[in-house]
Amino acid sequence: AVERLTDRLLASPHYGERLARHWLDVVRYGETRGHEFDYPIPNAWQYRDWVVKAFNNNTPYNQFITEQLAGDLLPNPTQETRLATAFNRLHRMTNEGGSVAEEWREEGVADRVKTFGTAFLGLTTECARCHDHKYDPISQRDFYALTAFFNSINEHGLYDQGGIVPTPSLLL
C-alpha cells in the first residue's frame, strides 16, 4: 500500500511543484523585476514551469545544472535548454530615472555570482565582493574570477517603459 501511495505521489504534477518551490527560493525567482513599480511585467513563469517539469521528469542533477548555467552553449541547443538559462536572468533590474545602465549590468553579474555560490557551492560569496575574510573560503580574487564566467551576457542593465525586453531574450 505504501508503494502504491508513493507511486501516485511521484506521478502527480504537484510533486514537481512541491520540490521546485525550494529551488525557486534559492535562485531568487519572482514574477517581478524587484521593484514596486515593475513595468513591463517579466515573463519568468516559463522558467518556473521549466523547473517544475525538470523535477517531474526526474532530470539528472548534472543535466539540471548544465542546462541552467549554459543551456544555450550546448551543442544544438533547444528552446527548452535556452529557457533554462533564465536562471541567469532573475536578478533585479530597474528603469528608474538617473540609473546608470553599466552599474545595473554589473549588479546583475554580481547577483549571478552570489546565486551561483548559494545554489551550487552552498556558500555565501557576497562579502568577497568587497574584501577578504580571514576564515572565509572565498577570497575577493575568487569572487572576481567567478565574475568572469557570468560577465559575458550581452545585456543592457536597464529596461525602459516602452515595452522593450532587455537582451538577451527568447520569444516563446
Protein backbone atom coordinates (compact mmCIF):
# COMPACT_ATOMS: atom_id res chain seq x y z
CA ALA A 1 0.00 0.00 0.00
CA VAL A 2 2.86 2.38 0.80
CA GLU A 3 4.49 1.66 -2.58
CA ARG A 4 1.25 2.45 -4.42
CA LEU A 5 0.87 5.70 -2.49
CA THR A 6 4.49 6.63 -3.26
CA ASP A 7 3.97 5.86 -6.96
CA ARG A 8 0.85 8.03 -7.02
CA LEU A 9 2.61 10.90 -5.30
CA LEU A 10 5.59 10.75 -7.66
CA ALA A 11 3.28 10.61 -10.69
CA SER A 12 1.39 13.72 -9.59
CA PRO A 13 2.32 17.01 -11.30
CA HIS A 14 2.13 18.57 -7.85
CA TYR A 15 5.23 16.59 -6.85
CA GLY A 16 7.39 18.78 -9.09
CA GLU A 17 5.67 21.92 -7.83
CA ARG A 18 6.46 20.98 -4.25
CA LEU A 19 10.14 20.35 -4.94
CA ALA A 20 10.50 23.30 -7.30
CA ARG A 21 9.40 25.86 -4.75
CA HIS A 22 12.54 25.28 -2.69
CA TRP A 23 14.79 25.62 -5.73
CA LEU A 24 12.95 28.73 -6.90
CA ASP A 25 13.54 30.35 -3.49
CA VAL A 26 17.29 29.71 -3.79
CA VAL A 27 17.52 31.13 -7.31
CA ARG A 28 15.54 34.29 -6.34
CA TYR A 29 12.59 33.56 -8.61
CA GLY A 30 9.87 36.17 -8.61
CA GLU A 31 7.28 37.43 -11.04
CA THR A 32 8.81 40.87 -10.63
CA ARG A 33 11.91 42.84 -11.54
CA GLY A 34 12.49 43.56 -7.86
CA HIS A 35 10.80 46.97 -7.54
CA GLU A 36 7.33 48.12 -6.61
CA PHE A 37 6.88 49.88 -9.97
CA ASP A 38 7.63 46.95 -12.28
CA TYR A 39 6.79 47.50 -15.90
CA PRO A 40 6.66 45.60 -18.11
CA ILE A 41 5.89 42.55 -16.03
CA PRO A 42 8.58 39.93 -16.73
CA ASN A 43 7.57 36.56 -18.08
CA ALA A 44 9.61 34.49 -15.67
CA TRP A 45 6.82 31.96 -15.21
CA GLN A 46 8.11 30.00 -18.21
CA TYR A 47 11.32 29.35 -16.25
CA ARG A 48 9.26 28.30 -13.22
CA ASP A 49 7.38 25.81 -15.43
CA TRP A 50 10.70 24.51 -16.78
CA VAL A 51 11.91 23.83 -13.22
CA VAL A 52 8.67 22.05 -12.27
CA LYS A 53 8.89 19.93 -15.42
CA ALA A 54 12.53 19.07 -14.69
CA PHE A 55 11.58 17.80 -11.22
CA ASN A 56 8.57 15.88 -12.54
CA ASN A 57 10.76 14.28 -15.24
CA ASN A 58 13.42 13.41 -12.65
CA THR A 59 16.05 15.22 -14.71
CA PRO A 60 19.55 14.12 -13.65
CA TYR A 61 21.19 16.74 -11.43
CA ASN A 62 24.18 17.28 -13.72
CA GLN A 63 21.84 17.96 -16.65
CA PHE A 64 19.64 20.20 -14.45
CA ILE A 65 22.69 22.30 -13.55
CA THR A 66 24.26 22.34 -17.01
CA GLU A 67 21.08 23.49 -18.73
CA GLN A 68 20.59 26.35 -16.27
CA LEU A 69 24.16 27.60 -16.36
CA ALA A 70 24.90 27.07 -20.07
CA GLY A 71 21.94 25.53 -21.89
CA ASP A 72 22.40 27.97 -24.75
CA LEU A 73 26.01 26.81 -25.19
CA LEU A 74 25.18 23.11 -25.54
CA PRO A 75 25.58 21.52 -28.98
CA ASN A 76 22.30 22.07 -30.85
CA PRO A 77 20.57 23.98 -28.03
CA THR A 78 16.81 23.68 -27.94
CA GLN A 79 14.26 26.24 -26.90
CA GLU A 80 13.95 24.33 -23.60
CA THR A 81 17.70 24.41 -22.84
CA ARG A 82 17.81 28.11 -23.72
CA LEU A 83 14.83 28.74 -21.47
CA ALA A 84 16.64 27.03 -18.59
CA THR A 85 19.30 29.74 -18.70
CA ALA A 86 16.73 32.20 -17.35
CA PHE A 87 18.37 31.09 -14.09
CA ASN A 88 20.99 33.70 -15.00
CA ARG A 89 18.45 36.47 -15.54
CA LEU A 90 16.35 36.51 -12.38
CA HIS A 91 18.20 39.47 -10.81
CA ARG A 92 16.74 42.89 -10.03
CA MET A 93 16.51 45.39 -12.85
CA THR A 94 15.39 48.98 -12.93
CA ASN A 95 14.25 51.76 -15.20
CA GLU A 96 14.45 54.48 -12.56
CA GLY A 97 15.47 57.84 -13.96
CA GLY A 98 19.14 58.59 -13.45
CA SER A 99 20.12 54.92 -13.19
CA VAL A 100 23.34 54.01 -14.97
CA ALA A 101 22.99 51.01 -17.31
CA GLU A 102 26.55 49.76 -16.74
CA GLU A 103 26.15 49.94 -12.96
CA TRP A 104 22.99 47.83 -13.11
CA ARG A 105 24.59 45.40 -15.55
CA GLU A 106 27.42 44.91 -13.04
CA GLU A 107 24.85 44.42 -10.25
CA GLY A 108 23.30 41.64 -12.33
CA VAL A 109 26.69 39.98 -12.78
CA ALA A 110 27.42 40.17 -9.04
CA ASP A 111 23.98 38.72 -8.33
CA ARG A 112 24.69 35.77 -10.62
CA VAL A 113 27.91 35.06 -8.70
CA LYS A 114 26.05 35.31 -5.40
CA THR A 115 23.29 32.99 -6.59
CA PHE A 116 25.76 30.51 -8.08
CA GLY A 117 27.61 30.40 -4.76
CA THR A 118 24.41 29.82 -2.80
CA ALA A 119 22.81 27.32 -5.18
CA PHE A 120 25.79 25.24 -6.27
CA LEU A 121 28.55 25.80 -3.71
CA GLY A 122 26.43 26.16 -0.59
CA LEU A 123 28.47 29.26 0.28
CA THR A 124 27.85 32.95 0.59
CA THR A 125 30.06 35.00 -1.69
CA GLU A 126 28.72 38.50 -1.06
CA CYS A 127 31.37 39.63 1.42
CA ALA A 128 34.15 38.73 -1.02
CA ARG A 129 32.84 41.28 -3.48
CA CYS A 130 34.38 44.00 -1.32
CA HIS A 131 37.01 42.36 0.87
CA ASP A 132 38.62 39.16 2.15
CA HIS A 133 37.74 37.49 5.45
CA LYS A 134 40.38 35.63 7.38
CA TYR A 135 38.37 32.39 7.61
CA ASP A 136 36.17 32.70 4.53
CA PRO A 137 36.91 30.12 1.82
CA ILE A 138 36.02 32.62 -0.94
CA SER A 139 38.53 35.43 -1.43
CA GLN A 140 37.93 38.66 -3.28
CA ARG A 141 40.15 37.29 -6.04
CA ASP A 142 37.95 34.15 -6.25
CA PHE A 143 34.82 36.29 -6.39
CA TYR A 144 36.08 38.22 -9.39
CA ALA A 145 37.37 35.05 -11.05
CA LEU A 146 33.81 33.70 -10.81
CA THR A 147 32.53 37.02 -12.10
CA ALA A 148 34.43 36.43 -15.35
CA PHE A 149 32.16 33.45 -16.07
CA PHE A 150 29.00 35.50 -15.66
CA ASN A 151 30.17 38.71 -17.29
CA SER A 152 29.76 37.65 -20.91
CA ILE A 153 25.99 38.00 -21.21
CA ASN A 154 25.22 40.73 -23.70
CA GLU A 155 22.64 42.52 -21.62
CA HIS A 156 21.61 46.08 -21.06
CA GLY A 157 21.48 46.94 -17.38
CA LEU A 158 18.18 48.81 -17.60
CA TYR A 159 14.77 48.25 -19.12
CA ASP A 160 12.55 51.05 -20.26
CA GLN A 161 8.81 51.61 -20.08
CA GLY A 162 8.43 51.40 -23.84
CA GLY A 163 7.96 47.65 -23.67
CA ILE A 164 11.48 46.83 -24.84
CA VAL A 165 12.55 43.49 -23.44
CA PRO A 166 16.11 43.58 -22.07
CA THR A 167 18.56 41.49 -24.06
CA PRO A 168 19.17 38.65 -24.34
CA SER A 169 15.61 37.47 -24.67
CA LEU A 170 13.74 34.46 -26.05
CA LEU A 171 10.46 34.70 -27.88
CA LEU A 172 8.26 31.88 -26.60
